[in-house]
Amino acid sequence: MRMTLELGGLLLAVQAFVASAQNCPSIHVFGARETTVAPGYGSAGALVQQIQSAYPGTTSEAITYPACGGGASCGGIPYGVSARQGTAAVASAVNNFNQRCPNTQLVLVGYSQGGQIMDNAFCGGGDTSAGITDPSIPISSAAQAQIKAAIFLGDPRYRYGQAYGVGTCRASGFAARPAGFTCPNASKVQLYCDSQDPYCCNGNDANHHQQYVSIYGSQAMSFIRARLNASGGGGTQPPAPTSTSGGGGGGGTCSSLWGQCGGNGWSGPTCCSSGRCNKVNDWYSQCVN
């Protein structure tokens, strides 16, 4: 009788595992909102929706964390405490999902403080502004392998010169990475920051900080598509857009002014719909006037 019960329990466990595996999507997106925004995706949501539209069947979840900067509307939690809790929340959510669905491809989309906590969790290195002294990457190696693309928008950890930095900023954010820091997962990351931004750069236009999806959404999608294609996944791939401008290379629509148009590992457009393609470094070329 005892053996029968044990075998029955084992069968139920196997059935549950198979059912869980069958319910795992091909792609799952994690989104993290910016400071003081109500729970959900915040400004990251528009890009999350673009990914889901491009890859039907893709699932998503918002990171649950304070997203606070000390204001009363979010409980008065100091920014550093919020960022520290958020970093742990990203690692926990990603690791837990990967344990349930080890073959699902993962994409990270973080906006502002949401970008910072994803940056911390995926690149490690510690974060003195958040009181994180452990430099190790809290996301497991198995989950890191399944993260195919990470998009950080207006991330205050930005420092000019990072191989994965995109945009017009030539300075640093208020929680910038130390000079010489290299993200171990740099090939999977794009961090967007423009010179007007007062949080990831030293500008004075807070409104611009909210415009990254509208400015760089197509470019971010090209990067995500390329990363998913490179891993051989993503299900049925959406067709590449047809070119709307003359010029060479790359396939698809030419990059807009200030967009990326080249660099090692870049698989997007190598022409510019406006301006010219200027080489910034071996990893990044940008359309400029």
C-alpha atoms as a PDB file:
ATOM      1  CA  MET A   1       0.000   0.000   0.000  1.00  0.00           C
ATOM      2  CA  ARG A   2       2.815   2.401   0.926  1.00  0.00           C
ATOM      3  CA  MET A   3       4.631   1.687  -2.341  1.00  0.00           C
ATOM      4  CA  THR A   4       1.423   2.292  -4.270  1.00  0.00           C
ATOM      5  CA  LEU A   5       0.984   5.683  -2.578  1.00  0.00           C
ATOM      6  CA  GLU A   6       4.616   6.642  -3.275  1.00  0.00           C
ATOM      7  CA  LEU A   7       4.309   5.657  -6.922  1.00  0.00           C
ATOM      8  CA  GLY A   8       1.065   7.571  -7.142  1.00  0.00           C
ATOM      9  CA  GLY A   9       2.714  10.647  -5.655  1.00  0.00           C
ATOM     10  CA  LEU A  10       5.628  10.345  -8.075  1.00  0.00           C
ATOM     11  CA  LEU A  11       3.245  10.088 -11.019  1.00  0.00           C
ATOM     12  CA  LEU A  12       1.398  13.211  -9.915  1.00  0.00           C
ATOM     13  CA  ALA A  13       4.696  15.078  -9.576  1.00  0.00           C
ATOM     14  CA  VAL A  14       5.766  14.023 -13.085  1.00  0.00           C
ATOM     15  CA  GLN A  15       2.384  15.020 -14.508  1.00  0.00           C
ATOM     16  CA  ALA A  16       2.617  18.409 -12.785  1.00  0.00           C
ATOM     17  CA  PHE A  17       6.107  18.935 -14.187  1.00  0.00           C
ATOM     18  CA  VAL A  18       4.998  18.051 -17.716  1.00  0.00           C
ATOM     19  CA  ALA A  19       1.954  20.319 -17.436  1.00  0.00           C
ATOM     20  CA  SER A  20       4.150  23.151 -16.197  1.00  0.00           C
ATOM     21  CA  ALA A  21       6.601  22.662 -19.070  1.00  0.00           C
ATOM     22  CA  GLN A  22       3.755  22.641 -21.592  1.00  0.00           C
ATOM     23  CA  ASN A  23       2.540  25.974 -20.220  1.00  0.00           C
ATOM     24  CA  CYS A  24       5.946  27.637 -20.584  1.00  0.00           C
ATOM     25  CA  PRO A  25       6.085  30.310 -23.300  1.00  0.00           C
ATOM     26  CA  SER A  26       8.815  30.628 -25.886  1.00  0.00           C
ATOM     27  CA  ILE A  27       9.574  34.164 -24.666  1.00  0.00           C
ATOM     28  CA  HIS A  28       8.897  35.882 -21.344  1.00  0.00           C
ATOM     29  CA  VAL A  29       9.522  39.586 -20.683  1.00  0.00           C
ATOM     30  CA  PHE A  30      10.243  41.219 -17.330  1.00  0.00           C
ATOM     31  CA  GLY A  31       9.435  44.929 -17.041  1.00  0.00           C
ATOM     32  CA  ALA A  32      10.427  47.360 -14.283  1.00  0.00           C
ATOM     33  CA  ARG A  33       8.881  50.801 -13.846  1.00  0.00           C
ATOM     34  CA  GLU A  34      10.446  54.135 -12.986  1.00  0.00           C
ATOM     35  CA  THR A  35      10.363  56.039  -9.677  1.00  0.00           C
ATOM     36  CA  THR A  36       6.991  57.090  -8.130  1.00  0.00           C
ATOM     37  CA  VAL A  37       4.964  55.334 -10.824  1.00  0.00           C
ATOM     38  CA  ALA A  38       2.098  53.095  -9.695  1.00  0.00           C
ATOM     39  CA  PRO A  39       2.738  49.327  -9.701  1.00  0.00           C
ATOM     40  CA  GLY A  40       2.935  47.869 -13.187  1.00  0.00           C
ATOM     41  CA  TYR A  41       5.297  48.474 -16.092  1.00  0.00           C
ATOM     42  CA  GLY A  42       5.352  52.273 -16.140  1.00  0.00           C
ATOM     43  CA  SER A  43       7.072  53.702 -19.212  1.00  0.00           C
ATOM     44  CA  ALA A  44       8.650  50.309 -19.908  1.00  0.00           C
ATOM     45  CA  GLY A  45       5.179  49.045 -20.799  1.00  0.00           C
ATOM     46  CA  ALA A  46       5.144  50.439 -24.319  1.00  0.00           C
ATOM     47  CA  LEU A  47       8.228  48.432 -25.281  1.00  0.00           C
ATOM     48  CA  VAL A  48       6.937  45.331 -23.499  1.00  0.00           C
ATOM     49  CA  GLN A  49       3.794  45.603 -25.630  1.00  0.00           C
ATOM     50  CA  GLN A  50       5.850  45.949 -28.815  1.00  0.00           C
ATOM     51  CA  ILE A  51       7.694  42.726 -28.004  1.00  0.00           C
ATOM     52  CA  GLN A  52       4.440  40.897 -27.332  1.00  0.00           C
ATOM     53  CA  SER A  53       2.955  42.179 -30.584  1.00  0.00           C
ATOM     54  CA  ALA A  54       6.020  41.086 -32.547  1.00  0.00           C
ATOM     55  CA  TYR A  55       6.080  37.641 -30.935  1.00  0.00           C
ATOM     56  CA  PRO A  56       2.541  36.358 -30.292  1.00  0.00           C
ATOM     57  CA  GLY A  57       2.342  34.114 -27.264  1.00  0.00           C
ATOM     58  CA  THR A  58       4.993  36.044 -25.373  1.00  0.00           C
ATOM     59  CA  THR A  59       4.139  36.475 -21.699  1.00  0.00           C
ATOM     60  CA  SER A  60       5.284  39.225 -19.347  1.00  0.00           C
ATOM     61  CA  GLU A  61       5.364  40.277 -15.728  1.00  0.00           C
ATOM     62  CA  ALA A  62       6.148  43.478 -13.882  1.00  0.00           C
ATOM     63  CA  ILE A  63       8.776  43.500 -11.157  1.00  0.00           C
ATOM     64  CA  THR A  64       7.206  44.156  -7.760  1.00  0.00           C
ATOM     65  CA  TYR A  65       9.299  46.684  -5.835  1.00  0.00           C
ATOM     66  CA  PRO A  66       8.798  50.096  -4.165  1.00  0.00           C
ATOM     67  CA  ALA A  67       9.974  52.272  -7.096  1.00  0.00           C
ATOM     68  CA  CYS A  68      10.300  55.055  -4.545  1.00  0.00           C
ATOM     69  CA  GLY A  69      12.533  58.043  -4.093  1.00  0.00           C
ATOM     70  CA  GLY A  70      11.511  59.098  -0.612  1.00  0.00           C
ATOM     71  CA  GLY A  71       8.164  60.632  -1.546  1.00  0.00           C
ATOM     72  CA  ALA A  72       5.005  60.159   0.477  1.00  0.00           C
ATOM     73  CA  SER A  73       3.130  58.703  -2.507  1.00  0.00           C
ATOM     74  CA  CYS A  74       5.272  55.568  -2.381  1.00  0.00           C
ATOM     75  CA  GLY A  75       5.619  55.223   1.364  1.00  0.00           C
ATOM     76  CA  GLY A  76       8.617  57.481   1.940  1.00  0.00           C
ATOM     77  CA  ILE A  77      11.081  54.676   1.169  1.00  0.00           C
ATOM     78  CA  PRO A  78      14.497  56.190   0.352  1.00  0.00           C
ATOM     79  CA  TYR A  79      15.729  55.777  -3.217  1.00  0.00           C
ATOM     80  CA  GLY A  80      18.708  53.629  -2.252  1.00  0.00           C
ATOM     81  CA  VAL A  81      16.569  51.252  -0.207  1.00  0.00           C
ATOM     82  CA  SER A  82      14.080  51.001  -3.067  1.00  0.00           C
ATOM     83  CA  ALA A  83      16.842  50.246  -5.579  1.00  0.00           C
ATOM     84  CA  ARG A  84      18.359  47.632  -3.282  1.00  0.00           C
ATOM     85  CA  GLN A  85      15.007  45.913  -2.760  1.00  0.00           C
ATOM     86  CA  GLY A  86      14.307  46.163  -6.482  1.00  0.00           C
ATOM     87  CA  THR A  87      17.607  44.542  -7.402  1.00  0.00           C
ATOM     88  CA  ALA A  88      16.768  41.600  -5.149  1.00  0.00           C
ATOM     89  CA  ALA A  89      13.247  41.467  -6.605  1.00  0.00           C
ATOM     90  CA  VAL A  90      14.581  41.228 -10.169  1.00  0.00           C
ATOM     91  CA  ALA A  91      16.927  38.389  -9.257  1.00  0.00           C
ATOM     92  CA  SER A  92      14.184  36.537  -7.395  1.00  0.00           C
ATOM     93  CA  ALA A  93      11.606  36.894 -10.185  1.00  0.00           C
ATOM     94  CA  VAL A  94      14.033  35.860 -12.933  1.00  0.00           C
ATOM     95  CA  ASN A  95      15.507  32.936 -11.009  1.00  0.00           C
ATOM     96  CA  ASN A  96      12.104  31.613  -9.965  1.00  0.00           C
ATOM     97  CA  PHE A  97      10.731  31.803 -13.488  1.00  0.00           C
ATOM     98  CA  ASN A  98      13.817  30.135 -14.948  1.00  0.00           C
ATOM     99  CA  GLN A  99      13.478  27.270 -12.500  1.00  0.00           C
ATOM    100  CA  ARG A 100       9.882  26.718 -13.660  1.00  0.00           C
ATOM    101  CA  CYS A 101      10.592  27.241 -17.369  1.00  0.00           C
ATOM    102  CA  PRO A 102      14.301  26.589 -17.987  1.00  0.00           C
ATOM    103  CA  ASN A 103      13.997  26.689 -21.788  1.00  0.00           C
ATOM    104  CA  THR A 104      12.054  29.940 -22.077  1.00  0.00           C
ATOM    105  CA  GLN A 105      13.983  32.856 -23.541  1.00  0.00           C
ATOM    106  CA  LEU A 106      13.946  35.942 -21.344  1.00  0.00           C
ATOM    107  CA  VAL A 107      14.019  39.667 -22.117  1.00  0.00           C
ATOM    108  CA  LEU A 108      14.559  42.445 -19.569  1.00  0.00           C
ATOM    109  CA  VAL A 109      13.110  45.954 -20.006  1.00  0.00           C
ATOM    110  CA  GLY A 110      13.805  48.490 -17.280  1.00  0.00           C
ATOM    111  CA  TYR A 111      13.024  52.213 -17.188  1.00  0.00           C
ATOM    112  CA  SER A 112      14.989  54.714 -15.047  1.00  0.00           C
ATOM    113  CA  GLN A 113      15.181  53.201 -11.540  1.00  0.00           C
ATOM    114  CA  GLY A 114      13.720  50.094 -13.163  1.00  0.00           C
ATOM    115  CA  GLY A 115      16.717  50.068 -15.490  1.00  0.00           C
ATOM    116  CA  GLN A 116      19.073  50.512 -12.558  1.00  0.00           C
ATOM    117  CA  ILE A 117      17.745  47.490 -10.669  1.00  0.00           C
ATOM    118  CA  MET A 118      17.897  45.308 -13.769  1.00  0.00           C
ATOM    119  CA  ASP A 119      21.389  46.610 -14.531  1.00  0.00           C
ATOM    120  CA  ASN A 120      22.471  45.668 -10.998  1.00  0.00           C
ATOM    121  CA  ALA A 121      20.899  42.222 -11.174  1.00  0.00           C
ATOM    122  CA  PHE A 122      22.177  41.304 -14.640  1.00  0.00           C
ATOM    123  CA  CYS A 123      25.606  42.944 -14.605  1.00  0.00           C
ATOM    124  CA  GLY A 124      26.550  42.751 -10.925  1.00  0.00           C
ATOM    125  CA  GLY A 125      29.406  44.938  -9.760  1.00  0.00           C
ATOM    126  CA  GLY A 126      27.646  46.258  -6.665  1.00  0.00           C
ATOM    127  CA  ASP A 127      25.945  49.631  -6.326  1.00  0.00           C
ATOM    128  CA  THR A 128      27.108  52.022  -3.608  1.00  0.00           C
ATOM    129  CA  SER A 129      24.088  54.293  -4.157  1.00  0.00           C
ATOM    130  CA  ALA A 130      21.850  51.364  -3.210  1.00  0.00           C
ATOM    131  CA  GLY A 131      24.062  49.997  -0.467  1.00  0.00           C
ATOM    132  CA  ILE A 132      24.925  46.868  -2.490  1.00  0.00           C
ATOM    133  CA  THR A 133      28.501  45.823  -1.709  1.00  0.00           C
ATOM    134  CA  ASP A 134      28.484  42.288  -3.138  1.00  0.00           C
ATOM    135  CA  PRO A 135      29.811  42.522  -6.717  1.00  0.00           C
ATOM    136  CA  SER A 136      28.492  39.116  -7.792  1.00  0.00           C
ATOM    137  CA  ILE A 137      25.571  38.745 -10.206  1.00  0.00           C
ATOM    138  CA  PRO A 138      22.493  37.663  -8.211  1.00  0.00           C
ATOM    139  CA  ILE A 139      20.794  36.106 -11.236  1.00  0.00           C
ATOM    140  CA  SER A 140      21.791  32.460 -11.575  1.00  0.00           C
ATOM    141  CA  SER A 141      24.130  31.394 -14.377  1.00  0.00           C
ATOM    142  CA  ALA A 142      21.338  29.246 -15.862  1.00  0.00           C
ATOM    143  CA  ALA A 143      18.954  32.205 -15.962  1.00  0.00           C
ATOM    144  CA  GLN A 144      21.655  34.509 -17.332  1.00  0.00           C
ATOM    145  CA  ALA A 145      22.105  32.124 -20.240  1.00  0.00           C
ATOM    146  CA  GLN A 146      18.387  32.364 -21.043  1.00  0.00           C
ATOM    147  CA  ILE A 147      18.315  36.181 -20.919  1.00  0.00           C
ATOM    148  CA  LYS A 148      18.754  37.006 -24.583  1.00  0.00           C
ATOM    149  CA  ALA A 149      18.335  40.792 -24.476  1.00  0.00           C
ATOM    150  CA  ALA A 150      18.267  43.501 -21.826  1.00  0.00           C
ATOM    151  CA  ILE A 151      17.083  47.049 -22.526  1.00  0.00           C
ATOM    152  CA  PHE A 152      17.786  49.746 -19.924  1.00  0.00           C
ATOM    153  CA  LEU A 153      16.110  53.093 -20.687  1.00  0.00           C
ATOM    154  CA  GLY A 154      17.302  56.251 -18.910  1.00  0.00           C
ATOM    155  CA  ASP A 155      19.293  54.064 -16.500  1.00  0.00           C
ATOM    156  CA  PRO A 156      21.198  56.270 -13.994  1.00  0.00           C
ATOM    157  CA  ARG A 157      24.038  53.697 -13.958  1.00  0.00           C
ATOM    158  CA  TYR A 158      25.022  55.003 -17.406  1.00  0.00           C
ATOM    159  CA  ARG A 159      28.622  56.055 -17.952  1.00  0.00           C
ATOM    160  CA  TYR A 160      29.830  57.382 -21.287  1.00  0.00           C
ATOM    161  CA  GLY A 161      32.150  54.963 -23.014  1.00  0.00           C
ATOM    162  CA  GLN A 162      30.311  51.763 -22.128  1.00  0.00           C
ATOM    163  CA  ALA A 163      30.278  49.450 -25.142  1.00  0.00           C
ATOM    164  CA  TYR A 164      26.520  48.990 -24.845  1.00  0.00           C
ATOM    165  CA  GLY A 165      25.614  52.657 -24.335  1.00  0.00           C
ATOM    166  CA  VAL A 166      23.321  54.185 -26.956  1.00  0.00           C
ATOM    167  CA  GLY A 167      22.346  57.833 -27.318  1.00  0.00           C
ATOM    168  CA  THR A 168      23.817  61.314 -27.188  1.00  0.00           C
ATOM    169  CA  CYS A 169      24.986  61.530 -23.547  1.00  0.00           C
ATOM    170  CA  ARG A 170      28.707  62.167 -23.143  1.00  0.00           C
ATOM    171  CA  ALA A 171      28.635  62.285 -19.343  1.00  0.00           C
ATOM    172  CA  SER A 172      27.301  60.013 -16.593  1.00  0.00           C
ATOM    173  CA  GLY A 173      24.194  59.374 -14.500  1.00  0.00           C
ATOM    174  CA  PHE A 174      23.823  60.132 -10.795  1.00  0.00           C
ATOM    175  CA  ALA A 175      24.530  56.467  -9.935  1.00  0.00           C
ATOM    176  CA  ALA A 176      27.089  55.878 -12.677  1.00  0.00           C
ATOM    177  CA  ARG A 177      29.192  52.761 -12.909  1.00  0.00           C
ATOM    178  CA  PRO A 178      32.806  53.243 -11.852  1.00  0.00           C
ATOM    179  CA  ALA A 179      35.284  53.998 -14.621  1.00  0.00           C
ATOM    180  CA  GLY A 180      36.455  50.855 -16.347  1.00  0.00           C
ATOM    181  CA  PHE A 181      33.501  48.706 -15.291  1.00  0.00           C
ATOM    182  CA  THR A 182      32.550  46.021 -17.801  1.00  0.00           C
ATOM    183  CA  CYS A 183      29.263  44.150 -17.661  1.00  0.00           C
ATOM    184  CA  PRO A 184      29.911  40.417 -18.070  1.00  0.00           C
ATOM    185  CA  ASN A 185      26.732  40.240 -20.177  1.00  0.00           C
ATOM    186  CA  ALA A 186      27.484  43.362 -22.230  1.00  0.00           C
ATOM    187  CA  SER A 187      26.728  41.733 -25.599  1.00  0.00           C
ATOM    188  CA  LYS A 188      23.101  41.275 -24.524  1.00  0.00           C
ATOM    189  CA  VAL A 189      22.591  44.831 -23.253  1.00  0.00           C
ATOM    190  CA  GLN A 190      21.664  48.198 -24.709  1.00  0.00           C
ATOM    191  CA  LEU A 191      21.461  51.189 -22.354  1.00  0.00           C
ATOM    192  CA  TYR A 192      19.782  54.280 -23.806  1.00  0.00           C
ATOM    193  CA  CYS A 193      20.656  57.736 -22.527  1.00  0.00           C
ATOM    194  CA  ASP A 194      20.562  61.186 -24.136  1.00  0.00           C
ATOM    195  CA  SER A 195      22.343  64.393 -23.178  1.00  0.00           C
ATOM    196  CA  GLN A 196      19.096  66.191 -22.230  1.00  0.00           C
ATOM    197  CA  ASP A 197      18.350  63.655 -19.478  1.00  0.00           C
ATOM    198  CA  PRO A 198      19.010  64.886 -15.901  1.00  0.00           C
ATOM    199  CA  TYR A 199      19.014  61.371 -14.402  1.00  0.00           C
ATOM    200  CA  CYS A 200      21.156  59.170 -16.630  1.00  0.00           C
ATOM    201  CA  CYS A 201      23.152  62.168 -17.887  1.00  0.00           C
ATOM    202  CA  ASN A 202      23.693  65.788 -16.811  1.00  0.00           C
ATOM    203  CA  GLY A 203      20.933  67.499 -18.783  1.00  0.00           C
ATOM    204  CA  ASN A 204      18.001  69.551 -17.503  1.00  0.00           C
ATOM    205  CA  ASP A 205      15.003  68.233 -19.448  1.00  0.00           C
ATOM    206  CA  ALA A 206      13.061  65.799 -17.248  1.00  0.00           C
ATOM    207  CA  ASN A 207      10.448  65.413 -19.991  1.00  0.00           C
ATOM    208  CA  HIS A 208      13.063  63.941 -22.326  1.00  0.00           C
ATOM    209  CA  HIS A 209      13.670  61.234 -19.736  1.00  0.00           C
ATOM    210  CA  GLN A 210      10.212  59.867 -20.568  1.00  0.00           C
ATOM    211  CA  GLN A 211      10.730  59.733 -24.352  1.00  0.00           C
ATOM    212  CA  TYR A 212      13.080  56.780 -24.867  1.00  0.00           C
ATOM    213  CA  VAL A 213      10.531  54.313 -26.216  1.00  0.00           C
ATOM    214  CA  SER A 214       9.170  56.840 -28.702  1.00  0.00           C
ATOM    215  CA  ILE A 215      12.701  57.811 -29.795  1.00  0.00           C
ATOM    216  CA  TYR A 216      14.480  54.456 -29.670  1.00  0.00           C
ATOM    217  CA  GLY A 217      11.694  51.877 -29.589  1.00  0.00           C
ATOM    218  CA  SER A 218      12.305  50.666 -33.159  1.00  0.00           C
ATOM    219  CA  GLN A 219      16.032  50.447 -32.547  1.00  0.00           C
ATOM    220  CA  ALA A 220      15.508  48.522 -29.331  1.00  0.00           C
ATOM    221  CA  MET A 221      13.197  46.115 -31.149  1.00  0.00           C
ATOM    222  CA  SER A 222      15.829  45.569 -33.844  1.00  0.00           C
ATOM    223  CA  PHE A 223      18.346  44.681 -31.143  1.00  0.00           C
ATOM    224  CA  ILE A 224      15.918  42.336 -29.391  1.00  0.00           C
ATOM    225  CA  ARG A 225      14.997  40.659 -32.668  1.00  0.00           C
ATOM    226  CA  ALA A 226      18.649  40.174 -33.564  1.00  0.00           C
ATOM    227  CA  ARG A 227      19.442  38.681 -30.167  1.00  0.00           C
ATOM    228  CA  LEU A 228      16.490  36.289 -30.318  1.00  0.00           C
ATOM    229  CA  ASN A 229      17.380  35.277 -33.864  1.00  0.00           C
ATOM    230  CA  ALA A 230      20.987  34.675 -32.860  1.00  0.00           C
ATOM    231  CA  SER A 231      19.822  32.239 -30.202  1.00  0.00           C
ATOM    232  CA  GLY A 232      17.668  30.391 -32.711  1.00  0.00           C
ATOM    233  CA  GLY A 233      14.458  31.117 -30.860  1.00  0.00           C
ATOM    234  CA  GLY A 234      11.513  33.412 -30.708  1.00  0.00           C
ATOM    235  CA  GLY A 235       9.122  31.235 -32.622  1.00  0.00           C
ATOM    236  CA  THR A 236       7.882  32.606 -35.925  1.00  0.00           C
ATOM    237  CA  GLN A 237       9.842  35.725 -36.587  1.00  0.00           C
ATOM    238  CA  PRO A 238       8.051  38.865 -37.778  1.00  0.00           C
ATOM    239  CA  PRO A 239       9.084  39.992 -41.246  1.00  0.00           C
ATOM    240  CA  ALA A 240      11.712  42.697 -41.450  1.00  0.00           C
ATOM    241  CA  PRO A 241      10.288  46.091 -42.429  1.00  0.00           C
ATOM    242  CA  THR A 242      10.910  47.236 -45.965  1.00  0.00           C
ATOM    243  CA  SER A 243      13.329  50.074 -46.503  1.00  0.00           C
ATOM    244  CA  THR A 244      11.878  53.578 -46.681  1.00  0.00           C
ATOM    245  CA  SER A 245      15.069  55.305 -47.656  1.00  0.00           C
ATOM    246  CA  GLY A 246      17.885  54.785 -50.058  1.00  0.00           C
ATOM    247  CA  GLY A 247      21.313  53.884 -48.825  1.00  0.00           C
ATOM    248  CA  GLY A 248      23.354  50.852 -48.057  1.00  0.00           C
ATOM    249  CA  GLY A 249      23.334  47.806 -45.929  1.00  0.00           C
ATOM    250  CA  GLY A 250      21.628  46.254 -43.011  1.00  0.00           C
ATOM    251  CA  GLY A 251      18.203  45.502 -44.418  1.00  0.00           C
ATOM    252  CA  GLY A 252      15.039  47.051 -43.036  1.00  0.00           C
ATOM    253  CA  THR A 253      14.302  50.701 -42.359  1.00  0.00           C
ATOM    254  CA  CYS A 254      17.266  53.049 -42.107  1.00  0.00           C
ATOM    255  CA  SER A 255      18.009  54.329 -38.615  1.00  0.00           C
ATOM    256  CA  SER A 256      16.609  57.695 -37.607  1.00  0.00           C
ATOM    257  CA  LEU A 257      18.724  60.672 -36.568  1.00  0.00           C
ATOM    258  CA  TRP A 258      20.751  59.790 -33.424  1.00  0.00           C
ATOM    259  CA  GLY A 259      19.952  56.083 -33.888  1.00  0.00           C
ATOM    260  CA  GLN A 260      22.561  53.317 -34.111  1.00  0.00           C
ATOM    261  CA  CYS A 261      23.839  52.477 -37.598  1.00  0.00           C
ATOM    262  CA  GLY A 262      26.776  50.158 -37.001  1.00  0.00           C
ATOM    263  CA  GLY A 263      29.275  48.562 -34.658  1.00  0.00           C
ATOM    264  CA  ASN A 264      30.637  45.123 -33.811  1.00  0.00           C
ATOM    265  CA  GLY A 265      27.738  42.733 -33.319  1.00  0.00           C
ATOM    266  CA  TRP A 266      25.179  45.208 -34.692  1.00  0.00           C
ATOM    267  CA  SER A 267      22.732  43.507 -37.061  1.00  0.00           C
ATOM    268  CA  GLY A 268      20.347  46.417 -37.604  1.00  0.00           C
ATOM    269  CA  PRO A 269      20.298  49.076 -40.326  1.00  0.00           C
ATOM    270  CA  THR A 270      23.640  50.506 -41.447  1.00  0.00           C
ATOM    271  CA  CYS A 271      22.105  53.470 -43.258  1.00  0.00           C
ATOM    272  CA  CYS A 272      20.568  56.697 -41.938  1.00  0.00           C
ATOM    273  CA  SER A 273      17.193  58.136 -42.936  1.00  0.00           C
ATOM    274  CA  SER A 274      18.620  61.523 -41.923  1.00  0.00           C
ATOM    275  CA  GLY A 275      22.229  62.659 -41.501  1.00  0.00           C
ATOM    276  CA  ARG A 276      25.270  60.420 -41.809  1.00  0.00           C
ATOM    277  CA  CYS A 277      26.563  57.329 -40.016  1.00  0.00           C
ATOM    278  CA  ASN A 278      29.414  58.372 -37.705  1.00  0.00           C
ATOM    279  CA  LYS A 279      31.670  55.772 -36.038  1.00  0.00           C
ATOM    280  CA  VAL A 280      31.901  56.499 -32.294  1.00  0.00           C
ATOM    281  CA  ASN A 281      33.931  53.414 -31.410  1.00  0.00           C
ATOM    282  CA  ASP A 282      34.325  49.801 -32.578  1.00  0.00           C
ATOM    283  CA  TRP A 283      31.037  48.906 -30.902  1.00  0.00           C
ATOM    284  CA  TYR A 284      28.825  51.814 -31.807  1.00  0.00           C
ATOM    285  CA  SER A 285      28.156  54.060 -34.808  1.00  0.00           C
ATOM    286  CA  GLN A 286      25.414  56.689 -34.714  1.00  0.00           C
ATOM    287  CA  CYS A 287      23.396  58.716 -37.219  1.00  0.00           C
ATOM    288  CA  VAL A 288      24.365  62.388 -36.770  1.00  0.00           C
ATOM    289  CA  ASN A 289      23.843  65.678 -38.601  1.00  0.00           C
END
